[in-house]
């Protein structure tokens, strides 16, 4: 999740680069397998390239990476990708992760609670 006002173009480039570097072997293997299957069976080639899709929400920009991976390694790879992408994005001063509401609350120097 990116806060509005973040450099979303830069965030998109960084997330895609990190994901493609980490997933390259799986993507390459999937392309080869599909090519082999298309020689035996009547199937068309499928797009297995790593992609990023963004959606706007009320308080943030939602980024989703679509990638191909061995189903038995899905959880491990997802965890690794999330860690690497967050680490890369946190290095950038013009990219803020979170939601606008969480940043506003965290940025407040004083919060007053009135009990009636």
N, C-alpha and C. Protein backbone atom coordinates (compact mmCIF):
# COMPACT_ATOMS: atom_id res chain seq x y z
N UNK A 1 0.84 -1.17 0.00
CA UNK A 1 0.00 0.00 0.00
C UNK A 1 0.88 1.24 0.00
N UNK A 2 0.64 2.10 -0.94
CA UNK A 2 1.36 3.36 -1.02
C UNK A 2 0.45 4.50 -0.61
N UNK A 3 0.99 5.43 0.13
CA UNK A 3 0.24 6.62 0.50
C UNK A 3 0.14 7.51 -0.73
N UNK A 4 -1.02 8.14 -0.93
CA UNK A 4 -1.15 9.09 -2.03
C UNK A 4 -0.08 10.16 -1.87
N UNK A 5 0.51 10.57 -2.97
CA UNK A 5 1.60 11.53 -2.95
C UNK A 5 2.95 10.85 -3.05
N UNK A 6 2.98 9.52 -2.88
CA UNK A 6 4.22 8.77 -3.06
C UNK A 6 4.56 8.73 -4.55
N UNK A 7 5.81 8.52 -4.85
CA UNK A 7 6.25 8.40 -6.23
C UNK A 7 5.87 6.99 -6.72
N UNK A 8 4.64 6.83 -7.18
CA UNK A 8 4.13 5.51 -7.54
C UNK A 8 4.82 4.93 -8.77
N UNK A 9 5.28 5.78 -9.68
CA UNK A 9 6.00 5.27 -10.87
C UNK A 9 7.31 4.61 -10.45
N UNK A 10 8.01 5.26 -9.55
CA UNK A 10 9.27 4.71 -9.04
C UNK A 10 9.00 3.43 -8.26
N UNK A 11 7.95 3.44 -7.44
CA UNK A 11 7.59 2.26 -6.65
C UNK A 11 7.26 1.09 -7.57
N UNK A 12 6.55 1.36 -8.66
CA UNK A 12 6.21 0.31 -9.62
C UNK A 12 7.48 -0.28 -10.24
N UNK A 13 8.40 0.57 -10.66
CA UNK A 13 9.65 0.10 -11.25
C UNK A 13 10.46 -0.74 -10.27
N UNK A 14 10.56 -0.27 -9.04
CA UNK A 14 11.33 -1.00 -8.02
C UNK A 14 10.70 -2.36 -7.73
N UNK A 15 9.39 -2.38 -7.51
CA UNK A 15 8.70 -3.64 -7.18
C UNK A 15 8.82 -4.65 -8.32
N UNK A 16 8.67 -4.18 -9.56
CA UNK A 16 8.80 -5.09 -10.71
C UNK A 16 10.21 -5.62 -10.85
N UNK A 17 11.20 -4.76 -10.67
CA UNK A 17 12.59 -5.21 -10.78
C UNK A 17 12.91 -6.25 -9.72
N UNK A 18 12.52 -5.97 -8.48
CA UNK A 18 12.77 -6.91 -7.38
C UNK A 18 12.09 -8.25 -7.68
N UNK A 19 10.82 -8.20 -8.09
CA UNK A 19 10.06 -9.42 -8.36
C UNK A 19 10.66 -10.19 -9.53
N UNK A 20 10.96 -9.50 -10.62
CA UNK A 20 11.51 -10.19 -11.80
C UNK A 20 12.86 -10.83 -11.50
N UNK A 21 13.70 -10.13 -10.73
CA UNK A 21 14.99 -10.71 -10.37
C UNK A 21 14.82 -11.97 -9.53
N UNK A 22 13.86 -11.94 -8.61
CA UNK A 22 13.65 -13.08 -7.71
C UNK A 22 12.94 -14.24 -8.39
N UNK A 23 12.08 -13.96 -9.36
CA UNK A 23 11.22 -14.98 -9.97
C UNK A 23 11.73 -15.44 -11.34
N UNK A 24 12.80 -14.87 -11.83
CA UNK A 24 13.26 -15.14 -13.19
C UNK A 24 13.33 -16.63 -13.51
N UNK A 25 13.93 -17.42 -12.63
CA UNK A 25 14.08 -18.86 -12.90
C UNK A 25 12.73 -19.56 -13.05
N UNK A 26 11.76 -19.20 -12.21
CA UNK A 26 10.43 -19.81 -12.29
C UNK A 26 9.74 -19.40 -13.60
N UNK A 27 9.86 -18.13 -13.95
CA UNK A 27 9.23 -17.61 -15.17
C UNK A 27 9.82 -18.29 -16.40
N UNK A 28 11.14 -18.42 -16.44
CA UNK A 28 11.83 -19.06 -17.56
C UNK A 28 11.42 -20.52 -17.68
N UNK A 29 11.36 -21.21 -16.56
CA UNK A 29 10.97 -22.62 -16.53
C UNK A 29 9.53 -22.79 -17.02
N UNK A 30 8.63 -21.91 -16.59
CA UNK A 30 7.22 -21.99 -17.01
C UNK A 30 7.09 -21.79 -18.52
N UNK A 31 7.84 -20.85 -19.07
CA UNK A 31 7.81 -20.61 -20.52
C UNK A 31 8.24 -21.87 -21.28
N UNK A 32 9.31 -22.51 -20.81
CA UNK A 32 9.81 -23.73 -21.47
C UNK A 32 8.80 -24.87 -21.37
N UNK A 33 8.19 -25.03 -20.20
CA UNK A 33 7.20 -26.09 -20.02
C UNK A 33 5.99 -25.88 -20.92
N UNK A 34 5.52 -24.65 -21.01
CA UNK A 34 4.37 -24.36 -21.87
C UNK A 34 4.70 -24.59 -23.33
N UNK A 35 5.91 -24.26 -23.72
CA UNK A 35 6.33 -24.51 -25.10
C UNK A 35 6.33 -26.01 -25.40
N UNK A 36 6.86 -26.80 -24.48
CA UNK A 36 6.86 -28.26 -24.65
C UNK A 36 5.45 -28.82 -24.69
N UNK A 37 4.57 -28.32 -23.83
CA UNK A 37 3.19 -28.80 -23.81
C UNK A 37 2.45 -28.42 -25.09
N UNK A 38 2.77 -27.26 -25.63
CA UNK A 38 2.07 -26.83 -26.85
C UNK A 38 2.43 -27.70 -28.04
N UNK A 39 3.57 -28.38 -27.99
CA UNK A 39 3.96 -29.30 -29.06
C UNK A 39 3.17 -30.60 -28.98
N UNK A 40 2.76 -30.99 -27.77
CA UNK A 40 2.02 -32.24 -27.58
C UNK A 40 0.51 -32.05 -27.59
N UNK A 41 0.05 -30.95 -27.06
CA UNK A 41 -1.37 -30.71 -26.90
C UNK A 41 -1.77 -29.43 -27.61
N UNK A 42 -3.04 -29.33 -27.90
CA UNK A 42 -3.54 -28.13 -28.56
C UNK A 42 -3.80 -27.04 -27.52
N UNK A 43 -2.74 -26.33 -27.16
CA UNK A 43 -2.89 -25.21 -26.24
C UNK A 43 -2.16 -24.01 -26.83
N UNK A 44 -2.64 -22.87 -26.48
CA UNK A 44 -1.95 -21.66 -26.90
C UNK A 44 -0.97 -21.26 -25.81
N UNK A 45 -0.02 -20.47 -26.17
CA UNK A 45 0.95 -20.05 -25.15
C UNK A 45 0.28 -19.07 -24.18
N UNK A 46 0.68 -19.14 -22.96
CA UNK A 46 0.12 -18.29 -21.92
C UNK A 46 1.15 -17.26 -21.50
N UNK A 47 0.68 -16.12 -21.09
CA UNK A 47 1.55 -15.06 -20.63
C UNK A 47 1.98 -15.36 -19.19
N UNK A 48 3.24 -15.63 -18.99
CA UNK A 48 3.75 -15.94 -17.65
C UNK A 48 4.69 -14.86 -17.14
N UNK A 49 4.75 -13.75 -17.86
CA UNK A 49 5.64 -12.66 -17.46
C UNK A 49 5.16 -12.01 -16.16
N UNK A 50 6.10 -11.68 -15.29
CA UNK A 50 5.78 -11.01 -14.03
C UNK A 50 5.23 -9.63 -14.33
N UNK A 51 4.10 -9.29 -13.71
CA UNK A 51 3.45 -8.00 -13.95
C UNK A 51 3.00 -7.39 -12.64
N UNK A 52 2.78 -6.09 -12.66
CA UNK A 52 2.29 -5.38 -11.49
C UNK A 52 1.02 -4.64 -11.88
N UNK A 53 0.00 -4.76 -11.03
CA UNK A 53 -1.27 -4.07 -11.25
C UNK A 53 -1.54 -3.16 -10.05
N UNK A 54 -2.05 -1.97 -10.33
CA UNK A 54 -2.36 -1.02 -9.26
C UNK A 54 -3.84 -0.68 -9.27
N UNK A 55 -4.36 -0.44 -8.07
CA UNK A 55 -5.75 -0.02 -7.88
C UNK A 55 -5.75 1.10 -6.85
N UNK A 56 -6.60 2.07 -7.06
CA UNK A 56 -6.72 3.14 -6.06
C UNK A 56 -7.79 2.76 -5.05
N UNK A 57 -7.52 3.07 -3.81
CA UNK A 57 -8.46 2.84 -2.70
C UNK A 57 -8.75 4.19 -2.05
N UNK A 58 -9.58 4.18 -1.01
CA UNK A 58 -9.92 5.43 -0.34
C UNK A 58 -8.70 6.17 0.18
N UNK A 59 -7.79 5.45 0.82
CA UNK A 59 -6.66 6.09 1.50
C UNK A 59 -5.29 5.62 1.03
N UNK A 60 -5.21 4.84 -0.03
CA UNK A 60 -3.92 4.35 -0.48
C UNK A 60 -3.99 3.83 -1.91
N UNK A 61 -2.83 3.52 -2.45
CA UNK A 61 -2.71 2.89 -3.77
C UNK A 61 -2.31 1.45 -3.50
N UNK A 62 -3.10 0.52 -3.99
CA UNK A 62 -2.87 -0.91 -3.78
C UNK A 62 -2.03 -1.44 -4.94
N UNK A 63 -0.89 -2.08 -4.64
CA UNK A 63 -0.03 -2.67 -5.66
C UNK A 63 -0.06 -4.19 -5.52
N UNK A 64 -0.30 -4.87 -6.63
CA UNK A 64 -0.32 -6.34 -6.64
C UNK A 64 0.62 -6.85 -7.71
N UNK A 65 1.50 -7.77 -7.34
CA UNK A 65 2.43 -8.37 -8.29
C UNK A 65 1.89 -9.74 -8.68
N UNK A 66 1.80 -9.98 -9.98
CA UNK A 66 1.39 -11.29 -10.49
C UNK A 66 2.63 -11.99 -11.01
N UNK A 67 2.85 -13.21 -10.55
CA UNK A 67 4.05 -13.94 -10.93
C UNK A 67 3.76 -15.44 -10.96
N UNK A 68 4.62 -16.16 -11.65
CA UNK A 68 4.48 -17.61 -11.78
C UNK A 68 5.50 -18.26 -10.85
N UNK A 69 5.03 -19.25 -10.11
CA UNK A 69 5.91 -19.95 -9.19
C UNK A 69 5.39 -21.38 -8.99
N UNK A 70 6.27 -22.27 -8.60
CA UNK A 70 5.87 -23.64 -8.28
C UNK A 70 4.86 -23.58 -7.13
N UNK A 71 3.69 -24.21 -7.29
CA UNK A 71 2.66 -24.14 -6.24
C UNK A 71 3.14 -24.59 -4.86
N UNK A 72 4.08 -25.51 -4.82
CA UNK A 72 4.56 -25.99 -3.52
C UNK A 72 5.46 -24.97 -2.81
N UNK A 73 5.89 -23.95 -3.54
CA UNK A 73 6.75 -22.92 -2.95
C UNK A 73 6.06 -21.56 -2.85
N UNK A 74 4.78 -21.54 -3.11
CA UNK A 74 4.03 -20.28 -3.19
C UNK A 74 4.17 -19.43 -1.92
N UNK A 75 3.93 -19.98 -0.76
CA UNK A 75 3.98 -19.21 0.49
C UNK A 75 5.39 -18.68 0.76
N UNK A 76 6.38 -19.53 0.58
CA UNK A 76 7.78 -19.14 0.83
C UNK A 76 8.20 -18.01 -0.11
N UNK A 77 7.87 -18.12 -1.38
CA UNK A 77 8.25 -17.12 -2.37
C UNK A 77 7.50 -15.81 -2.11
N UNK A 78 6.22 -15.90 -1.79
CA UNK A 78 5.44 -14.68 -1.51
C UNK A 78 6.05 -13.93 -0.32
N UNK A 79 6.39 -14.65 0.73
CA UNK A 79 7.00 -14.04 1.91
C UNK A 79 8.31 -13.35 1.54
N UNK A 80 9.15 -14.03 0.79
CA UNK A 80 10.44 -13.49 0.38
C UNK A 80 10.26 -12.24 -0.49
N UNK A 81 9.30 -12.30 -1.42
CA UNK A 81 9.04 -11.16 -2.29
C UNK A 81 8.56 -9.94 -1.51
N UNK A 82 7.63 -10.15 -0.61
CA UNK A 82 7.11 -9.04 0.20
C UNK A 82 8.25 -8.40 1.00
N UNK A 83 9.08 -9.21 1.62
CA UNK A 83 10.21 -8.67 2.38
C UNK A 83 11.13 -7.84 1.50
N UNK A 84 11.51 -8.38 0.35
CA UNK A 84 12.46 -7.68 -0.52
C UNK A 84 11.87 -6.39 -1.09
N UNK A 85 10.60 -6.43 -1.45
CA UNK A 85 9.97 -5.23 -2.01
C UNK A 85 9.85 -4.15 -0.93
N UNK A 86 9.42 -4.52 0.27
CA UNK A 86 9.32 -3.54 1.36
C UNK A 86 10.69 -2.94 1.67
N UNK A 87 11.71 -3.78 1.77
CA UNK A 87 13.06 -3.28 2.05
C UNK A 87 13.52 -2.30 0.97
N UNK A 88 13.24 -2.60 -0.28
CA UNK A 88 13.65 -1.71 -1.37
C UNK A 88 12.88 -0.40 -1.34
N UNK A 89 11.57 -0.47 -1.08
CA UNK A 89 10.75 0.75 -1.07
C UNK A 89 11.06 1.64 0.14
N UNK A 90 11.41 1.03 1.27
CA UNK A 90 11.72 1.81 2.46
C UNK A 90 12.98 2.64 2.31
N UNK A 91 13.82 2.31 1.33
CA UNK A 91 15.06 3.06 1.09
C UNK A 91 14.79 4.38 0.38
N UNK A 92 13.59 4.55 -0.16
CA UNK A 92 13.26 5.73 -0.96
C UNK A 92 12.54 6.77 -0.11
N UNK A 93 13.01 8.01 -0.16
CA UNK A 93 12.41 9.08 0.62
C UNK A 93 11.07 9.54 0.06
N UNK A 94 10.87 9.36 -1.24
CA UNK A 94 9.64 9.84 -1.88
C UNK A 94 8.58 8.75 -2.03
N UNK A 95 8.76 7.64 -1.31
CA UNK A 95 7.78 6.55 -1.32
C UNK A 95 7.42 6.24 0.13
N UNK A 96 6.12 6.34 0.44
CA UNK A 96 5.64 6.05 1.79
C UNK A 96 4.68 4.86 1.75
N UNK A 97 4.97 3.88 2.59
CA UNK A 97 4.11 2.70 2.69
C UNK A 97 3.10 2.92 3.80
N UNK A 98 1.92 2.34 3.65
CA UNK A 98 0.87 2.45 4.66
C UNK A 98 -0.36 3.07 4.06
N UNK A 99 -1.19 3.61 4.93
CA UNK A 99 -2.40 4.30 4.48
C UNK A 99 -2.33 5.74 4.96
N UNK A 100 -3.09 6.60 4.33
CA UNK A 100 -3.08 8.00 4.73
C UNK A 100 -3.52 8.14 6.19
N UNK A 101 -4.47 7.35 6.64
CA UNK A 101 -4.92 7.44 8.02
C UNK A 101 -3.84 7.00 8.99
N UNK A 102 -3.12 5.92 8.68
CA UNK A 102 -2.08 5.46 9.60
C UNK A 102 -0.94 6.46 9.67
N UNK A 103 -0.60 7.10 8.58
CA UNK A 103 0.47 8.10 8.58
C UNK A 103 0.03 9.32 9.39
N UNK A 104 -1.23 9.74 9.21
CA UNK A 104 -1.74 10.90 9.95
C UNK A 104 -1.70 10.65 11.45
N UNK A 105 -2.12 9.48 11.89
CA UNK A 105 -2.14 9.17 13.32
C UNK A 105 -0.72 9.06 13.85
N UNK A 106 0.16 8.38 13.10
CA UNK A 106 1.53 8.21 13.54
C UNK A 106 2.28 9.54 13.57
N UNK A 107 1.90 10.46 12.68
CA UNK A 107 2.58 11.74 12.61
C UNK A 107 2.12 12.74 13.64
N UNK A 108 1.02 12.46 14.32
CA UNK A 108 0.50 13.40 15.32
C UNK A 108 1.42 13.45 16.52
N UNK A 109 1.73 14.66 16.97
CA UNK A 109 2.62 14.79 18.12
C UNK A 109 1.87 14.65 19.44
N UNK A 110 0.58 14.98 19.42
CA UNK A 110 -0.17 14.88 20.66
C UNK A 110 -1.60 14.48 20.33
N UNK A 111 -2.10 13.51 21.06
CA UNK A 111 -3.47 13.06 20.91
C UNK A 111 -4.17 13.27 22.23
N UNK A 112 -5.30 13.95 22.21
CA UNK A 112 -6.06 14.23 23.42
C UNK A 112 -7.32 13.40 23.41
N UNK A 113 -7.59 12.72 24.51
CA UNK A 113 -8.81 11.92 24.64
C UNK A 113 -9.65 12.55 25.73
N UNK A 114 -10.87 12.95 25.40
CA UNK A 114 -11.80 13.52 26.37
C UNK A 114 -12.79 12.47 26.80
N UNK A 115 -12.89 12.22 28.09
CA UNK A 115 -13.85 11.25 28.60
C UNK A 115 -14.96 12.01 29.29
N UNK A 116 -16.15 11.78 28.87
CA UNK A 116 -17.30 12.48 29.47
C UNK A 116 -18.00 11.62 30.48
